[in-house]
């Protein structure tokens, strides 16, 4: 069985065998900052994840301030910069890793042990929203790009559900099998403008903002992407999500098993 975005091209899985890996300890640090501290936050986060062990990861993101149960009342509905540091280990070690982020001027913090499944629930987007997403995988994260990323974050449409996400790769992703059709394994960073909003009147400005993020980072793009992070952006982007050699190989498979392209309502691989 392939990944979720390949399965619609190739038919039916009749069985799955899953191997589970125990994760006995998992910790997070979520720290919220006013947007003017964004560049310093990103550089500090970059230093932590690039010099730390593979067990540390997370993301930096610009968001509209969440409900009052999570933030001081003055931040509700306002633009904030957030650093989410994750660690597959004990809370005590997480706090040591997070010290540089906690030393920066910030508005609120959540640090502690948390089940991994609960972290996933925190990141779920609400149902029933309007959506337009995209992503670019990056050759690196130099200071010039940090400044560009943060400037675009400060121009983000608010209040909306949009998230301007920047996250590291590496670790097990980079070490995985390169013959598998994901051409972005070597990218050390990725940017994911995650557009979600409620009011149809916001369609134009939100879609334009997502496209502007992609244009901003294009000089540092590897050219690859992850198809689960994008919508219908044309045939070239499907190739960017699979790699040219993989696309040709999969198109030959499609020709053999689905020459009429019945499975086509997806990031489509056309029969060769």
C-alpha atoms as a PDB file:
ATOM      1  CA  UNK A   1       0.000   0.000   0.000  1.00  0.00           C
ATOM      2  CA  UNK A   2       1.277   3.481  -0.845  1.00  0.00           C
ATOM      3  CA  UNK A   3       0.829   6.712   1.024  1.00  0.00           C
ATOM      4  CA  UNK A   4      -2.668   8.263   1.344  1.00  0.00           C
ATOM      5  CA  UNK A   5      -2.201  10.557  -1.647  1.00  0.00           C
ATOM      6  CA  UNK A   6      -1.076   7.715  -3.933  1.00  0.00           C
ATOM      7  CA  UNK A   7      -3.807   5.197  -3.071  1.00  0.00           C
ATOM      8  CA  UNK A   8      -6.576   6.941  -5.096  1.00  0.00           C
ATOM      9  CA  UNK A   9      -4.428   6.391  -8.191  1.00  0.00           C
ATOM     10  CA  UNK A  10      -3.942   2.669  -7.686  1.00  0.00           C
ATOM     11  CA  UNK A  11      -6.988   0.959  -6.247  1.00  0.00           C
ATOM     12  CA  UNK A  12      -7.777  -1.034  -3.149  1.00  0.00           C
ATOM     13  CA  UNK A  13      -5.890  -2.232  -0.083  1.00  0.00           C
ATOM     14  CA  UNK A  14      -7.341  -5.472   1.275  1.00  0.00           C
ATOM     15  CA  UNK A  15      -5.179  -5.659   4.416  1.00  0.00           C
ATOM     16  CA  UNK A  16      -2.743  -3.628   6.456  1.00  0.00           C
ATOM     17  CA  UNK A  17      -0.053  -4.772   8.848  1.00  0.00           C
ATOM     18  CA  UNK A  18       1.109  -2.054  11.231  1.00  0.00           C
ATOM     19  CA  UNK A  19       4.172  -2.076  13.443  1.00  0.00           C
ATOM     20  CA  UNK A  20       3.769   0.083  16.545  1.00  0.00           C
ATOM     21  CA  UNK A  21       6.642   1.817  18.299  1.00  0.00           C
ATOM     22  CA  UNK A  22       6.338   2.683  21.956  1.00  0.00           C
ATOM     23  CA  UNK A  23       6.707   6.335  22.908  1.00  0.00           C
ATOM     24  CA  UNK A  24       6.833   6.209  26.715  1.00  0.00           C
ATOM     25  CA  UNK A  25       7.596   9.919  27.243  1.00  0.00           C
ATOM     26  CA  UNK A  26       6.700  12.986  25.219  1.00  0.00           C
ATOM     27  CA  UNK A  27       6.962  16.662  26.196  1.00  0.00           C
ATOM     28  CA  UNK A  28       6.180  20.020  24.650  1.00  0.00           C
ATOM     29  CA  UNK A  29       6.883  23.694  25.145  1.00  0.00           C
ATOM     30  CA  UNK A  30       4.413  26.116  23.551  1.00  0.00           C
ATOM     31  CA  UNK A  31       5.452  29.750  23.947  1.00  0.00           C
ATOM     32  CA  UNK A  32       3.533  32.752  22.561  1.00  0.00           C
ATOM     33  CA  UNK A  33       5.186  36.049  21.628  1.00  0.00           C
ATOM     34  CA  UNK A  34       4.143  39.383  20.213  1.00  0.00           C
ATOM     35  CA  UNK A  35       4.898  39.396  16.464  1.00  0.00           C
ATOM     36  CA  UNK A  36       7.685  41.982  16.728  1.00  0.00           C
ATOM     37  CA  UNK A  37       9.838  39.311  18.388  1.00  0.00           C
ATOM     38  CA  UNK A  38       9.251  36.847  15.545  1.00  0.00           C
ATOM     39  CA  UNK A  39      12.678  36.973  13.899  1.00  0.00           C
ATOM     40  CA  UNK A  40      14.460  36.405  17.217  1.00  0.00           C
ATOM     41  CA  UNK A  41      12.078  33.549  18.010  1.00  0.00           C
ATOM     42  CA  UNK A  42      12.726  31.835  14.662  1.00  0.00           C
ATOM     43  CA  UNK A  43      16.510  32.164  14.984  1.00  0.00           C
ATOM     44  CA  UNK A  44      16.418  30.784  18.527  1.00  0.00           C
ATOM     45  CA  UNK A  45      14.190  27.883  17.479  1.00  0.00           C
ATOM     46  CA  UNK A  46      16.506  27.199  14.518  1.00  0.00           C
ATOM     47  CA  UNK A  47      19.504  26.952  16.843  1.00  0.00           C
ATOM     48  CA  UNK A  48      17.732  24.557  19.222  1.00  0.00           C
ATOM     49  CA  UNK A  49      16.569  22.088  16.577  1.00  0.00           C
ATOM     50  CA  UNK A  50      19.733  22.161  14.445  1.00  0.00           C
ATOM     51  CA  UNK A  51      22.081  21.580  17.384  1.00  0.00           C
ATOM     52  CA  UNK A  52      19.797  19.338  19.451  1.00  0.00           C
ATOM     53  CA  UNK A  53      19.185  15.585  19.214  1.00  0.00           C
ATOM     54  CA  UNK A  54      16.855  13.973  16.670  1.00  0.00           C
ATOM     55  CA  UNK A  55      14.248  13.658  19.432  1.00  0.00           C
ATOM     56  CA  UNK A  56      13.612  17.422  19.341  1.00  0.00           C
ATOM     57  CA  UNK A  57      11.408  19.008  16.689  1.00  0.00           C
ATOM     58  CA  UNK A  58       8.348  21.238  16.446  1.00  0.00           C
ATOM     59  CA  UNK A  59       7.435  24.367  14.490  1.00  0.00           C
ATOM     60  CA  UNK A  60       7.256  28.134  14.532  1.00  0.00           C
ATOM     61  CA  UNK A  61       3.968  29.617  13.421  1.00  0.00           C
ATOM     62  CA  UNK A  62       2.071  32.874  13.198  1.00  0.00           C
ATOM     63  CA  UNK A  63      -1.562  32.484  14.256  1.00  0.00           C
ATOM     64  CA  UNK A  64      -4.529  34.487  15.445  1.00  0.00           C
ATOM     65  CA  UNK A  65      -4.554  34.375  19.238  1.00  0.00           C
ATOM     66  CA  UNK A  66      -6.560  31.357  20.491  1.00  0.00           C
ATOM     67  CA  UNK A  67      -9.453  31.416  23.026  1.00  0.00           C
ATOM     68  CA  UNK A  68      -9.077  32.828  26.536  1.00  0.00           C
ATOM     69  CA  UNK A  69      -8.607  29.422  28.157  1.00  0.00           C
ATOM     70  CA  UNK A  70      -5.213  29.265  26.430  1.00  0.00           C
ATOM     71  CA  UNK A  71      -3.969  32.875  26.388  1.00  0.00           C
ATOM     72  CA  UNK A  72      -4.318  36.146  28.292  1.00  0.00           C
ATOM     73  CA  UNK A  73      -7.500  38.020  27.256  1.00  0.00           C
ATOM     74  CA  UNK A  74      -5.477  40.715  25.501  1.00  0.00           C
ATOM     75  CA  UNK A  75      -4.207  38.220  22.913  1.00  0.00           C
ATOM     76  CA  UNK A  76      -7.579  36.768  21.846  1.00  0.00           C
ATOM     77  CA  UNK A  77      -8.095  37.579  18.165  1.00  0.00           C
ATOM     78  CA  UNK A  78      -4.657  39.205  17.814  1.00  0.00           C
ATOM     79  CA  UNK A  79      -1.730  38.100  15.699  1.00  0.00           C
ATOM     80  CA  UNK A  80       0.884  36.190  17.701  1.00  0.00           C
ATOM     81  CA  UNK A  81       4.059  34.295  16.935  1.00  0.00           C
ATOM     82  CA  UNK A  82       4.220  30.862  18.544  1.00  0.00           C
ATOM     83  CA  UNK A  83       7.093  28.450  19.065  1.00  0.00           C
ATOM     84  CA  UNK A  84       6.099  24.817  19.543  1.00  0.00           C
ATOM     85  CA  UNK A  85       9.008  22.672  20.688  1.00  0.00           C
ATOM     86  CA  UNK A  86       8.406  18.918  20.882  1.00  0.00           C
ATOM     87  CA  UNK A  87      10.632  16.330  22.506  1.00  0.00           C
ATOM     88  CA  UNK A  88      10.398  12.546  22.557  1.00  0.00           C
ATOM     89  CA  UNK A  89      11.614  12.374  26.125  1.00  0.00           C
ATOM     90  CA  UNK A  90      11.184  13.610  29.685  1.00  0.00           C
ATOM     91  CA  UNK A  91       9.821  16.993  30.712  1.00  0.00           C
ATOM     92  CA  UNK A  92      13.013  17.802  32.629  1.00  0.00           C
ATOM     93  CA  UNK A  93      15.111  17.497  29.485  1.00  0.00           C
ATOM     94  CA  UNK A  94      12.543  19.456  27.486  1.00  0.00           C
ATOM     95  CA  UNK A  95      12.786  22.382  29.887  1.00  0.00           C
ATOM     96  CA  UNK A  96      16.556  22.523  29.387  1.00  0.00           C
ATOM     97  CA  UNK A  97      16.133  22.541  25.618  1.00  0.00           C
ATOM     98  CA  UNK A  98      13.443  25.234  25.808  1.00  0.00           C
ATOM     99  CA  UNK A  99      15.413  27.610  28.058  1.00  0.00           C
ATOM    100  CA  UNK A 100      16.534  29.921  25.199  1.00  0.00           C
ATOM    101  CA  UNK A 101      12.940  30.311  23.999  1.00  0.00           C
ATOM    102  CA  UNK A 102      11.657  30.926  27.523  1.00  0.00           C
ATOM    103  CA  UNK A 103      14.360  33.552  28.036  1.00  0.00           C
ATOM    104  CA  UNK A 104      12.878  35.727  25.261  1.00  0.00           C
ATOM    105  CA  UNK A 105      10.105  38.219  26.148  1.00  0.00           C
ATOM    106  CA  UNK A 106       6.874  36.259  25.856  1.00  0.00           C
ATOM    107  CA  UNK A 107       3.196  36.494  26.757  1.00  0.00           C
ATOM    108  CA  UNK A 108       2.428  32.984  27.936  1.00  0.00           C
ATOM    109  CA  UNK A 109       3.898  29.485  28.019  1.00  0.00           C
ATOM    110  CA  UNK A 110       2.831  25.868  28.353  1.00  0.00           C
ATOM    111  CA  UNK A 111       5.627  23.444  29.217  1.00  0.00           C
ATOM    112  CA  UNK A 112       5.182  19.858  30.320  1.00  0.00           C
ATOM    113  CA  UNK A 113       4.659  16.214  29.526  1.00  0.00           C
ATOM    114  CA  UNK A 114       1.795  15.494  27.158  1.00  0.00           C
ATOM    115  CA  UNK A 115       0.617  12.383  25.289  1.00  0.00           C
ATOM    116  CA  UNK A 116       1.544  12.595  21.617  1.00  0.00           C
ATOM    117  CA  UNK A 117      -2.093  12.033  20.592  1.00  0.00           C
ATOM    118  CA  UNK A 118      -3.121  15.134  22.563  1.00  0.00           C
ATOM    119  CA  UNK A 119      -0.584  17.226  20.650  1.00  0.00           C
ATOM    120  CA  UNK A 120      -2.141  16.042  17.389  1.00  0.00           C
ATOM    121  CA  UNK A 121      -5.568  17.120  18.655  1.00  0.00           C
ATOM    122  CA  UNK A 122      -4.177  20.573  19.467  1.00  0.00           C
ATOM    123  CA  UNK A 123      -3.110  20.962  15.836  1.00  0.00           C
ATOM    124  CA  UNK A 124      -6.357  19.805  14.205  1.00  0.00           C
ATOM    125  CA  UNK A 125      -8.120  22.486  12.182  1.00  0.00           C
ATOM    126  CA  UNK A 126     -11.864  23.039  12.806  1.00  0.00           C
ATOM    127  CA  UNK A 127     -14.391  21.434  10.472  1.00  0.00           C
ATOM    128  CA  UNK A 128     -16.525  23.427   8.060  1.00  0.00           C
ATOM    129  CA  UNK A 129     -13.926  26.105   7.243  1.00  0.00           C
ATOM    130  CA  UNK A 130     -12.841  27.377   3.838  1.00  0.00           C
ATOM    131  CA  UNK A 131      -9.386  26.077   2.921  1.00  0.00           C
ATOM    132  CA  UNK A 132      -6.478  26.904   0.664  1.00  0.00           C
ATOM    133  CA  UNK A 133      -3.076  25.407   1.553  1.00  0.00           C
ATOM    134  CA  UNK A 134       0.319  25.093  -0.033  1.00  0.00           C
ATOM    135  CA  UNK A 135       3.914  24.254   0.880  1.00  0.00           C
ATOM    136  CA  UNK A 136       7.511  24.680  -0.224  1.00  0.00           C
ATOM    137  CA  UNK A 137      10.466  22.619   0.939  1.00  0.00           C
ATOM    138  CA  UNK A 138      13.605  24.663   1.510  1.00  0.00           C
ATOM    139  CA  UNK A 139      17.333  24.303   0.941  1.00  0.00           C
ATOM    140  CA  UNK A 140      18.052  26.018   4.254  1.00  0.00           C
ATOM    141  CA  UNK A 141      16.956  28.791   6.595  1.00  0.00           C
ATOM    142  CA  UNK A 142      19.391  31.712   6.317  1.00  0.00           C
ATOM    143  CA  UNK A 143      18.763  34.958   8.193  1.00  0.00           C
ATOM    144  CA  UNK A 144      17.482  36.666   5.035  1.00  0.00           C
ATOM    145  CA  UNK A 145      14.781  34.049   4.681  1.00  0.00           C
ATOM    146  CA  UNK A 146      13.922  34.303   8.391  1.00  0.00           C
ATOM    147  CA  UNK A 147      13.245  38.024   7.925  1.00  0.00           C
ATOM    148  CA  UNK A 148      11.125  37.405   4.813  1.00  0.00           C
ATOM    149  CA  UNK A 149       9.131  34.677   6.536  1.00  0.00           C
ATOM    150  CA  UNK A 150       8.434  36.906   9.553  1.00  0.00           C
ATOM    151  CA  UNK A 151       7.456  39.913   7.410  1.00  0.00           C
ATOM    152  CA  UNK A 152       4.897  37.794   5.601  1.00  0.00           C
ATOM    153  CA  UNK A 153       3.671  36.502   8.957  1.00  0.00           C
ATOM    154  CA  UNK A 154       3.023  40.054  10.104  1.00  0.00           C
ATOM    155  CA  UNK A 155       0.919  40.647   6.967  1.00  0.00           C
ATOM    156  CA  UNK A 156      -1.234  37.564   7.606  1.00  0.00           C
ATOM    157  CA  UNK A 157      -5.009  38.105   7.357  1.00  0.00           C
ATOM    158  CA  UNK A 158      -6.443  38.299  10.879  1.00  0.00           C
ATOM    159  CA  UNK A 159      -8.612  37.365  12.577  1.00  0.00           C
ATOM    160  CA  UNK A 160      -8.799  34.087  10.658  1.00  0.00           C
ATOM    161  CA  UNK A 161      -7.795  30.494  11.279  1.00  0.00           C
ATOM    162  CA  UNK A 162      -4.721  30.850   9.026  1.00  0.00           C
ATOM    163  CA  UNK A 163      -1.462  29.374  10.282  1.00  0.00           C
ATOM    164  CA  UNK A 164       1.883  30.470   8.821  1.00  0.00           C
ATOM    165  CA  UNK A 165       3.945  27.378   9.650  1.00  0.00           C
ATOM    166  CA  UNK A 166       7.695  26.811   9.432  1.00  0.00           C
ATOM    167  CA  UNK A 167       9.062  23.441  10.512  1.00  0.00           C
ATOM    168  CA  UNK A 168      12.284  21.399  10.401  1.00  0.00           C
ATOM    169  CA  UNK A 169      12.801  18.135   8.572  1.00  0.00           C
ATOM    170  CA  UNK A 170      15.786  15.791   9.020  1.00  0.00           C
ATOM    171  CA  UNK A 171      15.916  12.894  11.464  1.00  0.00           C
ATOM    172  CA  UNK A 172      14.108   9.749  10.361  1.00  0.00           C
ATOM    173  CA  UNK A 173      12.675  11.546   7.323  1.00  0.00           C
ATOM    174  CA  UNK A 174      16.130  12.255   5.904  1.00  0.00           C
ATOM    175  CA  UNK A 175      17.332   8.771   6.805  1.00  0.00           C
ATOM    176  CA  UNK A 176      14.457   6.973   5.081  1.00  0.00           C
ATOM    177  CA  UNK A 177      14.552   4.989   1.836  1.00  0.00           C
ATOM    178  CA  UNK A 178      15.147   7.370  -1.082  1.00  0.00           C
ATOM    179  CA  UNK A 179      13.581   5.053  -3.650  1.00  0.00           C
ATOM    180  CA  UNK A 180      10.181   5.765  -2.072  1.00  0.00           C
ATOM    181  CA  UNK A 181       8.336   8.473  -4.060  1.00  0.00           C
ATOM    182  CA  UNK A 182       8.892  11.460  -1.781  1.00  0.00           C
ATOM    183  CA  UNK A 183      11.566  13.748  -3.271  1.00  0.00           C
ATOM    184  CA  UNK A 184      11.795  16.147  -0.333  1.00  0.00           C
ATOM    185  CA  UNK A 185      13.694  13.915   2.135  1.00  0.00           C
ATOM    186  CA  UNK A 186      16.862  16.021   1.948  1.00  0.00           C
ATOM    187  CA  UNK A 187      15.128  19.359   2.609  1.00  0.00           C
ATOM    188  CA  UNK A 188      16.110  20.644   6.074  1.00  0.00           C
ATOM    189  CA  UNK A 189      13.124  23.021   6.407  1.00  0.00           C
ATOM    190  CA  UNK A 190       9.634  23.510   5.012  1.00  0.00           C
ATOM    191  CA  UNK A 191       7.146  26.371   4.998  1.00  0.00           C
ATOM    192  CA  UNK A 192       3.434  25.579   5.020  1.00  0.00           C
ATOM    193  CA  UNK A 193       1.002  28.491   4.554  1.00  0.00           C
ATOM    194  CA  UNK A 194      -2.090  26.823   5.954  1.00  0.00           C
ATOM    195  CA  UNK A 195      -5.066  28.895   4.876  1.00  0.00           C
ATOM    196  CA  UNK A 196      -8.329  28.314   6.746  1.00  0.00           C
ATOM    197  CA  UNK A 197     -11.038  30.933   7.199  1.00  0.00           C
ATOM    198  CA  UNK A 198     -14.795  31.209   7.601  1.00  0.00           C
ATOM    199  CA  UNK A 199     -16.102  34.247   5.680  1.00  0.00           C
ATOM    200  CA  UNK A 200     -16.392  33.892   1.852  1.00  0.00           C
ATOM    201  CA  UNK A 201     -15.628  37.613   1.643  1.00  0.00           C
ATOM    202  CA  UNK A 202     -12.080  36.723   2.757  1.00  0.00           C
ATOM    203  CA  UNK A 203     -11.466  34.315  -0.140  1.00  0.00           C
ATOM    204  CA  UNK A 204      -9.392  36.639  -2.305  1.00  0.00           C
ATOM    205  CA  UNK A 205      -7.133  38.028   0.392  1.00  0.00           C
ATOM    206  CA  UNK A 206      -6.507  34.638   2.007  1.00  0.00           C
ATOM    207  CA  UNK A 207      -5.722  32.820  -1.245  1.00  0.00           C
ATOM    208  CA  UNK A 208      -3.498  35.694  -2.359  1.00  0.00           C
ATOM    209  CA  UNK A 209      -1.613  35.602   0.941  1.00  0.00           C
ATOM    210  CA  UNK A 210      -0.890  31.855   0.594  1.00  0.00           C
ATOM    211  CA  UNK A 211       0.407  32.411  -2.947  1.00  0.00           C
ATOM    212  CA  UNK A 212       2.537  35.326  -1.761  1.00  0.00           C
ATOM    213  CA  UNK A 213       4.215  33.073   0.819  1.00  0.00           C
ATOM    214  CA  UNK A 214       5.200  30.625  -1.929  1.00  0.00           C
ATOM    215  CA  UNK A 215       6.538  33.467  -4.077  1.00  0.00           C
ATOM    216  CA  UNK A 216       8.560  34.829  -1.151  1.00  0.00           C
ATOM    217  CA  UNK A 217      10.419  31.580  -0.484  1.00  0.00           C
ATOM    218  CA  UNK A 218      10.866  30.412  -4.089  1.00  0.00           C
ATOM    219  CA  UNK A 219      14.576  31.430  -4.254  1.00  0.00           C
ATOM    220  CA  UNK A 220      15.231  28.864  -1.473  1.00  0.00           C
ATOM    221  CA  UNK A 221      12.827  26.165  -2.682  1.00  0.00           C
ATOM    222  CA  UNK A 222      14.143  22.706  -3.494  1.00  0.00           C
ATOM    223  CA  UNK A 223      11.365  22.411  -6.070  1.00  0.00           C
ATOM    224  CA  UNK A 224       9.812  19.475  -4.213  1.00  0.00           C
ATOM    225  CA  UNK A 225       6.631  19.429  -2.168  1.00  0.00           C
ATOM    226  CA  UNK A 226       4.366  17.133  -0.146  1.00  0.00           C
ATOM    227  CA  UNK A 227       1.108  16.457  -1.962  1.00  0.00           C
ATOM    228  CA  UNK A 228      -0.947  16.207   1.244  1.00  0.00           C
ATOM    229  CA  UNK A 229      -0.072  19.875   1.887  1.00  0.00           C
ATOM    230  CA  UNK A 230      -1.318  21.277  -1.429  1.00  0.00           C
ATOM    231  CA  UNK A 231      -4.528  21.423  -3.445  1.00  0.00           C
ATOM    232  CA  UNK A 232      -4.910  21.406  -7.218  1.00  0.00           C
ATOM    233  CA  UNK A 233      -1.847  23.339  -8.383  1.00  0.00           C
ATOM    234  CA  UNK A 234      -1.418  21.664 -11.761  1.00  0.00           C
ATOM    235  CA  UNK A 235       0.461  18.721 -13.236  1.00  0.00           C
ATOM    236  CA  UNK A 236       3.894  20.230 -12.594  1.00  0.00           C
ATOM    237  CA  UNK A 237       3.255  20.256  -8.861  1.00  0.00           C
ATOM    238  CA  UNK A 238       2.229  16.595  -8.935  1.00  0.00           C
ATOM    239  CA  UNK A 239       5.662  15.887 -10.429  1.00  0.00           C
ATOM    240  CA  UNK A 240       7.189  18.098  -7.718  1.00  0.00           C
ATOM    241  CA  UNK A 241       5.483  15.907  -5.125  1.00  0.00           C
ATOM    242  CA  UNK A 242       6.684  12.628  -6.615  1.00  0.00           C
ATOM    243  CA  UNK A 243       9.924  13.450  -8.434  1.00  0.00           C
ATOM    244  CA  UNK A 244      10.359  13.099 -12.226  1.00  0.00           C
ATOM    245  CA  UNK A 245      11.758   9.549 -12.152  1.00  0.00           C
ATOM    246  CA  UNK A 246       9.100   8.331  -9.735  1.00  0.00           C
ATOM    247  CA  UNK A 247       6.374   9.989 -11.808  1.00  0.00           C
ATOM    248  CA  UNK A 248       7.512   8.155 -14.937  1.00  0.00           C
ATOM    249  CA  UNK A 249       7.672   4.836 -13.077  1.00  0.00           C
ATOM    250  CA  UNK A 250       4.225   5.308 -11.534  1.00  0.00           C
ATOM    251  CA  UNK A 251       2.741   6.408 -14.862  1.00  0.00           C
ATOM    252  CA  UNK A 252       3.881   3.068 -16.316  1.00  0.00           C
ATOM    253  CA  UNK A 253       2.140   1.258 -13.450  1.00  0.00           C
ATOM    254  CA  UNK A 254      -0.970   3.328 -14.134  1.00  0.00           C
ATOM    255  CA  UNK A 255      -0.873   2.372 -17.809  1.00  0.00           C
ATOM    256  CA  UNK A 256      -0.774  -1.304 -16.870  1.00  0.00           C
ATOM    257  CA  UNK A 257      -3.519  -1.290 -14.240  1.00  0.00           C
ATOM    258  CA  UNK A 258      -5.700   1.730 -15.056  1.00  0.00           C
ATOM    259  CA  UNK A 259      -5.141   2.681 -18.721  1.00  0.00           C
ATOM    260  CA  UNK A 260      -8.441   4.609 -18.840  1.00  0.00           C
ATOM    261  CA  UNK A 261      -7.468   6.683 -15.786  1.00  0.00           C
ATOM    262  CA  UNK A 262     -10.603   5.777 -13.837  1.00  0.00           C
ATOM    263  CA  UNK A 263      -8.837   6.755 -10.593  1.00  0.00           C
ATOM    264  CA  UNK A 264      -8.367  10.422 -11.482  1.00  0.00           C
ATOM    265  CA  UNK A 265     -10.090  12.537  -8.818  1.00  0.00           C
ATOM    266  CA  UNK A 266      -6.854  13.195  -6.949  1.00  0.00           C
ATOM    267  CA  UNK A 267      -3.327  14.470  -7.498  1.00  0.00           C
ATOM    268  CA  UNK A 268      -3.532  12.539 -10.689  1.00  0.00           C
ATOM    269  CA  UNK A 269      -0.860  10.344 -12.243  1.00  0.00           C
ATOM    270  CA  UNK A 270      -1.876   9.953 -15.883  1.00  0.00           C
ATOM    271  CA  UNK A 271      -1.150   6.651 -17.656  1.00  0.00           C
ATOM    272  CA  UNK A 272       2.082   6.823 -19.641  1.00  0.00           C
END
